[in-house]
Amino acid sequence: MFLIVHNPLSANKKSKKTTNKMVKFFKRNSIPFVLRSSLKIENFNDFLDKNTQITDILYLGGDGSINYLINHVDLEKIKQNIYLAKSGSGNDFLKSLLRIDSGSVTIGEATTNKGAYRFINGAGIGIDSLVCHFVDSDSKKGKLSYFINFFRAIIKYRRMDFTVTVDGVEHQYHKGYFVAVQNGRYFGGGMKVAPFASITDDEYVVCVAHNLNSFVVQILFMTIYFGLHRFIKKRVAFLKGKAISIKINEPYYFQTDGELVEGINEINIKKVMSREFHAFRRSHFKNSIFKKFHSK
């Protein structure tokens, strides 16, 4: 039996339509399931322990919902297959997962001066985290929220110096705009910030934008959508490693998978575990899952 988990608050409360489509699909293909809201499962691990008939999980949500899953559920205790499907305004991680269909995905942890936060797609500090702050404060969230609030952030953002240490090697960057530590290729609603990143790799791709003025940074963000910023070598640095440390002089906003934390000035990042995830594809369900439940 499948457990379908949905977040009714995803995509600014517009996830109901997606959930209804999934329910109809499962019914049409006679795949047994139970539907639960993530808001009504107090302890996910306990729920699975009490419902031993559940063999597979379909988790509906965006980056924020997946981030909640990896931070509040003991994934190592879950023996069921976990499928992920889009149902939110931000789905950067799913873009990377769909490229490989399934795999053992790296989950990282950022230990900061305010606590530890796990992430599955990426973490960052600088103008991208300021954009997240504005998006969180925006009463009208949508597909263009990140793009619109980016221009608000340009006006407000004050450039800062970054000290980035990768596997023990220290790098200094001045007049910096952001440091993005990526497991997935995308951030900000589809910007290809780390074109060569792999969600199954043990090493993170670190992208640093530095020594920029407000005019050049606008050009930079336009090129990021296509991954072309990698050719601006005097302004964009790429590093790769397993242990990442970031230090700044003043506390600032910091984001993990788009989830915001305030007052951060020191960050240490490393891998904490891997977990098998599957991208939901209807064709795969029809060919494989249907046979699993109707083989007799």
C-alpha atoms as a PDB file:
ATOM      1  CA  MET A   1       0.000   0.000   0.000  1.00  0.00           C
ATOM      2  CA  PHE A   2       1.114   3.534  -0.795  1.00  0.00           C
ATOM      3  CA  LEU A   3       1.124   6.405   1.659  1.00  0.00           C
ATOM      4  CA  ILE A   4       0.513   9.665  -0.237  1.00  0.00           C
ATOM      5  CA  VAL A   5       1.683  12.633   1.817  1.00  0.00           C
ATOM      6  CA  HIS A   6       0.695  16.132   0.768  1.00  0.00           C
ATOM      7  CA  ASN A   7       1.238  19.593   2.203  1.00  0.00           C
ATOM      8  CA  PRO A   8      -1.941  21.675   1.806  1.00  0.00           C
ATOM      9  CA  LEU A   9       0.098  24.865   2.237  1.00  0.00           C
ATOM     10  CA  SER A  10       2.491  24.169  -0.663  1.00  0.00           C
ATOM     11  CA  ALA A  11       2.414  26.603  -3.605  1.00  0.00           C
ATOM     12  CA  ASN A  12       0.496  29.153  -1.567  1.00  0.00           C
ATOM     13  CA  LYS A  13      -2.332  26.684  -0.804  1.00  0.00           C
ATOM     14  CA  LYS A  14      -2.711  25.660  -4.466  1.00  0.00           C
ATOM     15  CA  SER A  15      -1.555  22.067  -3.984  1.00  0.00           C
ATOM     16  CA  LYS A  16      -5.097  20.705  -3.670  1.00  0.00           C
ATOM     17  CA  LYS A  17      -5.421  20.412  -7.454  1.00  0.00           C
ATOM     18  CA  THR A  18      -2.177  18.405  -7.709  1.00  0.00           C
ATOM     19  CA  THR A  19      -3.229  16.124  -4.861  1.00  0.00           C
ATOM     20  CA  ASN A  20      -6.619  15.455  -6.470  1.00  0.00           C
ATOM     21  CA  LYS A  21      -4.907  14.480  -9.750  1.00  0.00           C
ATOM     22  CA  MET A  22      -2.681  12.010  -7.898  1.00  0.00           C
ATOM     23  CA  VAL A  23      -5.629  10.479  -6.062  1.00  0.00           C
ATOM     24  CA  LYS A  24      -7.534  10.011  -9.339  1.00  0.00           C
ATOM     25  CA  PHE A  25      -4.452   8.453 -10.949  1.00  0.00           C
ATOM     26  CA  PHE A  26      -4.044   5.901  -8.142  1.00  0.00           C
ATOM     27  CA  LYS A  27      -7.743   5.051  -8.172  1.00  0.00           C
ATOM     28  CA  ARG A  28      -7.824   4.720 -11.954  1.00  0.00           C
ATOM     29  CA  ASN A  29      -4.921   2.260 -11.847  1.00  0.00           C
ATOM     30  CA  SER A  30      -6.267   0.380  -8.800  1.00  0.00           C
ATOM     31  CA  ILE A  31      -3.156   1.042  -6.718  1.00  0.00           C
ATOM     32  CA  PRO A  32      -4.012   0.840  -2.980  1.00  0.00           C
ATOM     33  CA  PHE A  33      -3.192   3.977  -0.993  1.00  0.00           C
ATOM     34  CA  VAL A  34      -3.956   6.117   2.018  1.00  0.00           C
ATOM     35  CA  LEU A  35      -3.823   9.910   1.849  1.00  0.00           C
ATOM     36  CA  ARG A  36      -2.485  12.006   4.722  1.00  0.00           C
ATOM     37  CA  SER A  37      -1.644  15.662   5.220  1.00  0.00           C
ATOM     38  CA  SER A  38       1.899  16.259   6.445  1.00  0.00           C
ATOM     39  CA  LEU A  39       0.399  18.736   8.917  1.00  0.00           C
ATOM     40  CA  LYS A  40      -1.590  15.948  10.568  1.00  0.00           C
ATOM     41  CA  ILE A  41       1.206  13.406  11.004  1.00  0.00           C
ATOM     42  CA  GLU A  42       2.708  14.309  14.358  1.00  0.00           C
ATOM     43  CA  ASN A  43       5.560  11.794  14.194  1.00  0.00           C
ATOM     44  CA  PHE A  44       6.286  10.343  10.751  1.00  0.00           C
ATOM     45  CA  ASN A  45       8.400   7.425  12.000  1.00  0.00           C
ATOM     46  CA  ASP A  46       5.803   6.406  14.585  1.00  0.00           C
ATOM     47  CA  PHE A  47       3.066   6.604  11.961  1.00  0.00           C
ATOM     48  CA  LEU A  48       4.950   4.172   9.707  1.00  0.00           C
ATOM     49  CA  ASP A  49       5.661   1.819  12.611  1.00  0.00           C
ATOM     50  CA  LYS A  50       1.936   1.643  13.389  1.00  0.00           C
ATOM     51  CA  ASN A  51       0.936   1.150   9.744  1.00  0.00           C
ATOM     52  CA  THR A  52       3.024  -1.805   8.633  1.00  0.00           C
ATOM     53  CA  GLN A  53       0.897  -2.310   5.494  1.00  0.00           C
ATOM     54  CA  ILE A  54       2.581   0.717   3.906  1.00  0.00           C
ATOM     55  CA  THR A  55       5.253  -0.410   1.446  1.00  0.00           C
ATOM     56  CA  ASP A  56       5.863   2.793  -0.523  1.00  0.00           C
ATOM     57  CA  ILE A  57       5.642   6.547   0.072  1.00  0.00           C
ATOM     58  CA  LEU A  58       4.722   9.268  -2.410  1.00  0.00           C
ATOM     59  CA  TYR A  59       5.720  12.633  -0.962  1.00  0.00           C
ATOM     60  CA  LEU A  60       4.146  15.646  -2.682  1.00  0.00           C
ATOM     61  CA  GLY A  61       5.713  19.056  -2.210  1.00  0.00           C
ATOM     62  CA  GLY A  62       8.307  21.604  -3.214  1.00  0.00           C
ATOM     63  CA  ASP A  63      11.802  22.257  -1.923  1.00  0.00           C
ATOM     64  CA  GLY A  64      10.486  23.497   1.421  1.00  0.00           C
ATOM     65  CA  SER A  65       8.422  20.349   2.009  1.00  0.00           C
ATOM     66  CA  ILE A  66      11.365  18.089   1.158  1.00  0.00           C
ATOM     67  CA  ASN A  67      13.606  20.161   3.428  1.00  0.00           C
ATOM     68  CA  TYR A  68      11.104  19.654   6.255  1.00  0.00           C
ATOM     69  CA  LEU A  69      11.182  15.891   5.612  1.00  0.00           C
ATOM     70  CA  ILE A  70      14.972  15.582   5.888  1.00  0.00           C
ATOM     71  CA  ASN A  71      15.126  17.791   8.994  1.00  0.00           C
ATOM     72  CA  HIS A  72      12.243  16.320  11.000  1.00  0.00           C
ATOM     73  CA  VAL A  73      12.150  12.644  10.016  1.00  0.00           C
ATOM     74  CA  ASP A  74      14.700   9.915  10.734  1.00  0.00           C
ATOM     75  CA  LEU A  75      15.199   8.765   7.148  1.00  0.00           C
ATOM     76  CA  GLU A  76      17.574   5.967   8.161  1.00  0.00           C
ATOM     77  CA  LYS A  77      14.684   4.200   9.900  1.00  0.00           C
ATOM     78  CA  ILE A  78      12.395   4.356   6.868  1.00  0.00           C
ATOM     79  CA  LYS A  79      12.579   1.104   4.907  1.00  0.00           C
ATOM     80  CA  GLN A  80       9.839   2.013   2.412  1.00  0.00           C
ATOM     81  CA  ASN A  81      10.613   3.369  -1.050  1.00  0.00           C
ATOM     82  CA  ILE A  82      10.264   7.168  -1.191  1.00  0.00           C
ATOM     83  CA  TYR A  83       8.934   8.784  -4.367  1.00  0.00           C
ATOM     84  CA  LEU A  84       8.923  12.565  -4.786  1.00  0.00           C
ATOM     85  CA  ALA A  85       6.562  14.575  -6.969  1.00  0.00           C
ATOM     86  CA  LYS A  86       6.173  18.281  -7.694  1.00  0.00           C
ATOM     87  CA  SER A  87       3.567  20.154  -5.707  1.00  0.00           C
ATOM     88  CA  GLY A  88       5.030  23.510  -4.747  1.00  0.00           C
ATOM     89  CA  SER A  89       6.257  26.862  -6.018  1.00  0.00           C
ATOM     90  CA  GLY A  90       9.939  25.848  -5.773  1.00  0.00           C
ATOM     91  CA  ASN A  91      11.113  22.527  -7.192  1.00  0.00           C
ATOM     92  CA  ASP A  92      14.826  22.944  -7.827  1.00  0.00           C
ATOM     93  CA  PHE A  93      15.792  19.624  -6.244  1.00  0.00           C
ATOM     94  CA  LEU A  94      13.247  17.695  -8.294  1.00  0.00           C
ATOM     95  CA  LYS A  95      14.730  19.146 -11.502  1.00  0.00           C
ATOM     96  CA  SER A  96      17.999  17.408 -10.633  1.00  0.00           C
ATOM     97  CA  LEU A  97      16.327  14.183  -9.467  1.00  0.00           C
ATOM     98  CA  LEU A  98      14.313  13.894 -12.686  1.00  0.00           C
ATOM     99  CA  ARG A  99      17.575  13.858 -14.640  1.00  0.00           C
ATOM    100  CA  ILE A 100      18.511  10.511 -13.066  1.00  0.00           C
ATOM    101  CA  ASP A 101      15.030   9.145 -12.115  1.00  0.00           C
ATOM    102  CA  SER A 102      16.397   7.600  -8.903  1.00  0.00           C
ATOM    103  CA  GLY A 103      19.594   7.449  -6.924  1.00  0.00           C
ATOM    104  CA  SER A 104      21.347   7.505  -3.574  1.00  0.00           C
ATOM    105  CA  VAL A 105      21.131  11.225  -2.832  1.00  0.00           C
ATOM    106  CA  THR A 106      23.616  13.085  -0.645  1.00  0.00           C
ATOM    107  CA  ILE A 107      22.140  14.910   2.346  1.00  0.00           C
ATOM    108  CA  GLY A 108      24.299  17.605   3.879  1.00  0.00           C
ATOM    109  CA  GLU A 109      24.297  19.447   7.159  1.00  0.00           C
ATOM    110  CA  ALA A 110      25.243  23.070   7.752  1.00  0.00           C
ATOM    111  CA  THR A 111      26.446  23.643  11.299  1.00  0.00           C
ATOM    112  CA  THR A 112      26.211  27.348  12.119  1.00  0.00           C
ATOM    113  CA  ASN A 113      26.527  29.706  15.072  1.00  0.00           C
ATOM    114  CA  LYS A 114      22.727  29.360  15.448  1.00  0.00           C
ATOM    115  CA  GLY A 115      22.394  25.586  15.109  1.00  0.00           C
ATOM    116  CA  ALA A 116      22.536  22.749  12.559  1.00  0.00           C
ATOM    117  CA  TYR A 117      20.351  22.546   9.458  1.00  0.00           C
ATOM    118  CA  ARG A 118      20.187  19.732   6.923  1.00  0.00           C
ATOM    119  CA  PHE A 119      19.746  20.351   3.211  1.00  0.00           C
ATOM    120  CA  ILE A 120      19.339  18.247   0.091  1.00  0.00           C
ATOM    121  CA  ASN A 121      19.653  20.730  -2.783  1.00  0.00           C
ATOM    122  CA  GLY A 122      21.818  23.648  -1.699  1.00  0.00           C
ATOM    123  CA  ALA A 123      22.736  26.209   0.928  1.00  0.00           C
ATOM    124  CA  GLY A 124      23.916  29.762   0.552  1.00  0.00           C
ATOM    125  CA  ILE A 125      24.600  33.159   2.011  1.00  0.00           C
ATOM    126  CA  GLY A 126      24.556  36.576   0.375  1.00  0.00           C
ATOM    127  CA  ILE A 127      22.139  38.148  -2.071  1.00  0.00           C
ATOM    128  CA  ASP A 128      20.374  34.810  -2.684  1.00  0.00           C
ATOM    129  CA  SER A 129      19.469  34.526   0.994  1.00  0.00           C
ATOM    130  CA  LEU A 130      18.293  38.160   0.995  1.00  0.00           C
ATOM    131  CA  VAL A 131      16.027  37.291  -1.951  1.00  0.00           C
ATOM    132  CA  CYS A 132      14.638  34.395   0.113  1.00  0.00           C
ATOM    133  CA  HIS A 133      13.913  36.896   2.890  1.00  0.00           C
ATOM    134  CA  PHE A 134      11.932  39.092   0.505  1.00  0.00           C
ATOM    135  CA  VAL A 135      10.130  36.080  -1.007  1.00  0.00           C
ATOM    136  CA  ASP A 136       9.104  34.907   2.478  1.00  0.00           C
ATOM    137  CA  SER A 137       7.724  38.382   3.181  1.00  0.00           C
ATOM    138  CA  ASP A 138       5.870  38.554  -0.140  1.00  0.00           C
ATOM    139  CA  SER A 139       2.123  38.091   0.241  1.00  0.00           C
ATOM    140  CA  LYS A 140       1.737  37.150  -3.437  1.00  0.00           C
ATOM    141  CA  LYS A 141       4.062  34.232  -4.089  1.00  0.00           C
ATOM    142  CA  GLY A 142       4.275  32.752  -7.570  1.00  0.00           C
ATOM    143  CA  LYS A 143       6.604  31.490 -10.275  1.00  0.00           C
ATOM    144  CA  LEU A 144       8.159  34.943 -10.708  1.00  0.00           C
ATOM    145  CA  SER A 145       8.576  35.705  -6.988  1.00  0.00           C
ATOM    146  CA  TYR A 146      12.315  34.989  -6.944  1.00  0.00           C
ATOM    147  CA  PHE A 147      12.919  36.983 -10.128  1.00  0.00           C
ATOM    148  CA  ILE A 148      10.948  40.033  -8.944  1.00  0.00           C
ATOM    149  CA  ASN A 149      12.429  40.051  -5.445  1.00  0.00           C
ATOM    150  CA  PHE A 150      15.932  39.702  -6.857  1.00  0.00           C
ATOM    151  CA  PHE A 151      15.720  43.285  -8.092  1.00  0.00           C
ATOM    152  CA  ARG A 152      14.526  44.416  -4.664  1.00  0.00           C
ATOM    153  CA  ALA A 153      17.554  42.667  -3.176  1.00  0.00           C
ATOM    154  CA  ILE A 154      19.973  44.436  -5.535  1.00  0.00           C
ATOM    155  CA  ILE A 155      18.888  47.781  -4.104  1.00  0.00           C
ATOM    156  CA  LYS A 156      19.185  46.677  -0.472  1.00  0.00           C
ATOM    157  CA  TYR A 157      22.181  44.342  -0.582  1.00  0.00           C
ATOM    158  CA  ARG A 158      25.556  45.464   0.778  1.00  0.00           C
ATOM    159  CA  ARG A 159      28.536  43.588  -0.632  1.00  0.00           C
ATOM    160  CA  MET A 160      30.595  41.622   1.878  1.00  0.00           C
ATOM    161  CA  ASP A 161      33.882  39.739   2.116  1.00  0.00           C
ATOM    162  CA  PHE A 162      33.791  35.940   2.238  1.00  0.00           C
ATOM    163  CA  THR A 163      36.351  33.523   3.636  1.00  0.00           C
ATOM    164  CA  VAL A 164      35.632  30.155   2.028  1.00  0.00           C
ATOM    165  CA  THR A 165      37.621  27.084   3.061  1.00  0.00           C
ATOM    166  CA  VAL A 166      37.280  23.920   0.973  1.00  0.00           C
ATOM    167  CA  ASP A 167      38.918  20.726   2.254  1.00  0.00           C
ATOM    168  CA  GLY A 168      41.366  22.781   4.318  1.00  0.00           C
ATOM    169  CA  VAL A 169      42.342  25.264   1.567  1.00  0.00           C
ATOM    170  CA  GLU A 170      41.348  28.870   2.362  1.00  0.00           C
ATOM    171  CA  HIS A 171      40.105  31.331  -0.268  1.00  0.00           C
ATOM    172  CA  GLN A 172      39.414  35.050   0.234  1.00  0.00           C
ATOM    173  CA  TYR A 173      36.789  36.899  -1.805  1.00  0.00           C
ATOM    174  CA  HIS A 174      36.084  40.634  -1.680  1.00  0.00           C
ATOM    175  CA  LYS A 175      32.954  42.575  -2.591  1.00  0.00           C
ATOM    176  CA  GLY A 176      31.064  39.294  -2.687  1.00  0.00           C
ATOM    177  CA  TYR A 177      27.453  38.775  -3.731  1.00  0.00           C
ATOM    178  CA  PHE A 178      26.890  35.184  -2.728  1.00  0.00           C
ATOM    179  CA  VAL A 179      28.383  31.833  -1.821  1.00  0.00           C
ATOM    180  CA  ALA A 180      26.232  28.900  -2.963  1.00  0.00           C
ATOM    181  CA  VAL A 181      27.103  25.376  -1.794  1.00  0.00           C
ATOM    182  CA  GLN A 182      25.257  23.084  -4.162  1.00  0.00           C
ATOM    183  CA  ASN A 183      24.313  19.437  -4.180  1.00  0.00           C
ATOM    184  CA  GLY A 184      21.799  20.043  -6.986  1.00  0.00           C
ATOM    185  CA  ARG A 185      22.325  22.049 -10.144  1.00  0.00           C
ATOM    186  CA  TYR A 186      19.596  24.639  -9.630  1.00  0.00           C
ATOM    187  CA  PHE A 187      18.505  27.328  -7.213  1.00  0.00           C
ATOM    188  CA  GLY A 188      16.074  30.263  -7.250  1.00  0.00           C
ATOM    189  CA  GLY A 189      13.404  28.585  -9.341  1.00  0.00           C
ATOM    190  CA  GLY A 190      15.496  27.135 -12.145  1.00  0.00           C
ATOM    191  CA  MET A 191      18.762  29.095 -12.202  1.00  0.00           C
ATOM    192  CA  LYS A 192      21.525  26.660 -13.205  1.00  0.00           C
ATOM    193  CA  VAL A 193      23.990  27.919 -10.598  1.00  0.00           C
ATOM    194  CA  ALA A 194      26.073  24.717 -10.509  1.00  0.00           C
ATOM    195  CA  PRO A 195      25.900  23.200 -14.026  1.00  0.00           C
ATOM    196  CA  PHE A 196      28.123  20.226 -13.179  1.00  0.00           C
ATOM    197  CA  ALA A 197      26.804  19.377  -9.715  1.00  0.00           C
ATOM    198  CA  SER A 198      25.428  15.902  -9.007  1.00  0.00           C
ATOM    199  CA  ILE A 199      22.982  15.094  -6.213  1.00  0.00           C
ATOM    200  CA  THR A 200      24.630  11.680  -5.751  1.00  0.00           C
ATOM    201  CA  ASP A 201      28.183  13.044  -5.451  1.00  0.00           C
ATOM    202  CA  ASP A 202      30.008  13.149  -2.101  1.00  0.00           C
ATOM    203  CA  GLU A 203      31.577  16.468  -3.082  1.00  0.00           C
ATOM    204  CA  TYR A 204      29.776  19.810  -3.183  1.00  0.00           C
ATOM    205  CA  VAL A 205      30.109  22.436  -5.879  1.00  0.00           C
ATOM    206  CA  VAL A 206      30.740  25.895  -4.408  1.00  0.00           C
ATOM    207  CA  CYS A 207      29.904  28.906  -6.564  1.00  0.00           C
ATOM    208  CA  VAL A 208      31.166  32.321  -5.426  1.00  0.00           C
ATOM    209  CA  ALA A 209      30.161  35.567  -7.159  1.00  0.00           C
ATOM    210  CA  HIS A 210      32.540  38.377  -6.165  1.00  0.00           C
ATOM    211  CA  ASN A 211      34.098  41.700  -7.148  1.00  0.00           C
ATOM    212  CA  LEU A 212      30.862  42.851  -8.793  1.00  0.00           C
ATOM    213  CA  ASN A 213      28.847  46.048  -8.961  1.00  0.00           C
ATOM    214  CA  SER A 214      25.040  46.163  -9.119  1.00  0.00           C
ATOM    215  CA  PHE A 215      25.005  46.478 -12.921  1.00  0.00           C
ATOM    216  CA  VAL A 216      27.247  43.473 -13.549  1.00  0.00           C
ATOM    217  CA  VAL A 217      25.355  41.335 -11.041  1.00  0.00           C
ATOM    218  CA  GLN A 218      22.156  41.819 -13.063  1.00  0.00           C
ATOM    219  CA  ILE A 219      23.932  40.483 -16.133  1.00  0.00           C
ATOM    220  CA  LEU A 220      25.319  37.646 -14.014  1.00  0.00           C
ATOM    221  CA  PHE A 221      21.914  36.520 -12.817  1.00  0.00           C
ATOM    222  CA  MET A 222      20.562  36.507 -16.370  1.00  0.00           C
ATOM    223  CA  THR A 223      23.386  34.201 -17.476  1.00  0.00           C
ATOM    224  CA  ILE A 224      22.857  31.856 -14.483  1.00  0.00           C
ATOM    225  CA  TYR A 225      19.560  30.624 -15.936  1.00  0.00           C
ATOM    226  CA  PHE A 226      21.536  28.940 -18.703  1.00  0.00           C
ATOM    227  CA  GLY A 227      24.678  28.144 -16.691  1.00  0.00           C
ATOM    228  CA  LEU A 228      26.677  30.631 -18.795  1.00  0.00           C
ATOM    229  CA  HIS A 229      28.040  32.457 -15.740  1.00  0.00           C
ATOM    230  CA  ARG A 230      30.757  29.808 -15.606  1.00  0.00           C
ATOM    231  CA  PHE A 231      32.504  31.682 -18.414  1.00  0.00           C
ATOM    232  CA  ILE A 232      32.791  34.897 -16.337  1.00  0.00           C
ATOM    233  CA  LYS A 233      35.907  33.532 -14.665  1.00  0.00           C
ATOM    234  CA  LYS A 234      37.178  36.814 -13.174  1.00  0.00           C
ATOM    235  CA  ARG A 235      33.901  37.346 -11.335  1.00  0.00           C
ATOM    236  CA  VAL A 236      32.663  33.807 -10.642  1.00  0.00           C
ATOM    237  CA  ALA A 237      34.714  31.132  -8.885  1.00  0.00           C
ATOM    238  CA  PHE A 238      33.901  27.423  -8.735  1.00  0.00           C
ATOM    239  CA  LEU A 239      35.326  25.163  -6.050  1.00  0.00           C
ATOM    240  CA  LYS A 240      34.632  21.530  -5.208  1.00  0.00           C
ATOM    241  CA  GLY A 241      35.098  19.561  -2.009  1.00  0.00           C
ATOM    242  CA  LYS A 242      33.620  17.553   0.855  1.00  0.00           C
ATOM    243  CA  ALA A 243      34.180  19.924   3.791  1.00  0.00           C
ATOM    244  CA  ILE A 244      33.093  23.543   3.286  1.00  0.00           C
ATOM    245  CA  SER A 245      33.536  26.444   5.702  1.00  0.00           C
ATOM    246  CA  ILE A 246      32.205  29.988   5.176  1.00  0.00           C
ATOM    247  CA  LYS A 247      32.900  33.001   7.387  1.00  0.00           C
ATOM    248  CA  ILE A 248      31.719  36.600   7.122  1.00  0.00           C
ATOM    249  CA  ASN A 249      32.305  39.618   9.365  1.00  0.00           C
ATOM    250  CA  GLU A 250      28.678  40.403  10.231  1.00  0.00           C
ATOM    251  CA  PRO A 251      25.680  38.119  10.885  1.00  0.00           C
ATOM    252  CA  TYR A 252      23.428  37.750   7.844  1.00  0.00           C
ATOM    253  CA  TYR A 253      20.610  35.726   6.312  1.00  0.00           C
ATOM    254  CA  PHE A 254      21.458  32.125   5.409  1.00  0.00           C
ATOM    255  CA  GLN A 255      19.314  29.696   3.436  1.00  0.00           C
ATOM    256  CA  THR A 256      19.142  25.910   3.149  1.00  0.00           C
ATOM    257  CA  ASP A 257      16.909  24.714   0.293  1.00  0.00           C
ATOM    258  CA  GLY A 258      15.334  28.178   0.364  1.00  0.00           C
ATOM    259  CA  GLU A 259      14.498  27.955   4.082  1.00  0.00           C
ATOM    260  CA  LEU A 260      15.785  31.043   5.877  1.00  0.00           C
ATOM    261  CA  VAL A 261      17.804  31.484   9.071  1.00  0.00           C
ATOM    262  CA  GLU A 262      18.881  34.893  10.414  1.00  0.00           C
ATOM    263  CA  GLY A 263      22.009  36.012  12.225  1.00  0.00           C
ATOM    264  CA  ILE A 264      24.536  33.630  10.659  1.00  0.00           C
ATOM    265  CA  ASN A 265      28.224  34.479  10.252  1.00  0.00           C
ATOM    266  CA  GLU A 266      29.935  31.086  10.435  1.00  0.00           C
ATOM    267  CA  ILE A 267      28.974  27.937   8.515  1.00  0.00           C
ATOM    268  CA  ASN A 268      30.510  24.467   8.302  1.00  0.00           C
ATOM    269  CA  ILE A 269      29.088  22.027   5.783  1.00  0.00           C
ATOM    270  CA  LYS A 270      29.591  18.303   5.295  1.00  0.00           C
ATOM    271  CA  LYS A 271      27.697  15.221   4.173  1.00  0.00           C
ATOM    272  CA  VAL A 272      25.821  13.387   6.927  1.00  0.00           C
ATOM    273  CA  MET A 273      24.092  10.577   5.008  1.00  0.00           C
ATOM    274  CA  SER A 274      22.767   9.261   1.704  1.00  0.00           C
ATOM    275  CA  ARG A 275      19.224   8.168   0.974  1.00  0.00           C
ATOM    276  CA  GLU A 276      17.589   6.528  -2.034  1.00  0.00           C
ATOM    277  CA  PHE A 277      14.910   8.713  -3.654  1.00  0.00           C
ATOM    278  CA  HIS A 278      12.801   8.103  -6.757  1.00  0.00           C
ATOM    279  CA  ALA A 279      11.290  10.723  -9.049  1.00  0.00           C
ATOM    280  CA  PHE A 280       7.589  10.152  -9.632  1.00  0.00           C
ATOM    281  CA  ARG A 281       6.803   9.420 -13.268  1.00  0.00           C
ATOM    282  CA  ARG A 282       3.359   8.213 -14.304  1.00  0.00           C
ATOM    283  CA  SER A 283       4.780   6.024 -17.049  1.00  0.00           C
ATOM    284  CA  HIS A 284       7.020   4.253 -14.507  1.00  0.00           C
ATOM    285  CA  PHE A 285       4.061   3.690 -12.216  1.00  0.00           C
ATOM    286  CA  LYS A 286       2.005   2.198 -15.014  1.00  0.00           C
ATOM    287  CA  ASN A 287       4.790  -0.136 -16.116  1.00  0.00           C
ATOM    288  CA  SER A 288       6.307  -1.136 -12.776  1.00  0.00           C
ATOM    289  CA  ILE A 289       4.203  -0.194  -9.762  1.00  0.00           C
ATOM    290  CA  PHE A 290       0.977  -1.501 -11.281  1.00  0.00           C
ATOM    291  CA  LYS A 291       2.613  -4.903 -11.806  1.00  0.00           C
ATOM    292  CA  LYS A 292       3.901  -4.860  -8.218  1.00  0.00           C
ATOM    293  CA  PHE A 293       0.392  -4.635  -6.801  1.00  0.00           C
ATOM    294  CA  HIS A 294      -1.382  -6.680  -9.453  1.00  0.00           C
ATOM    295  CA  SER A 295       1.093  -9.445 -10.236  1.00  0.00           C
ATOM    296  CA  LYS A 296      -1.380 -12.054  -9.133  1.00  0.00           C
END
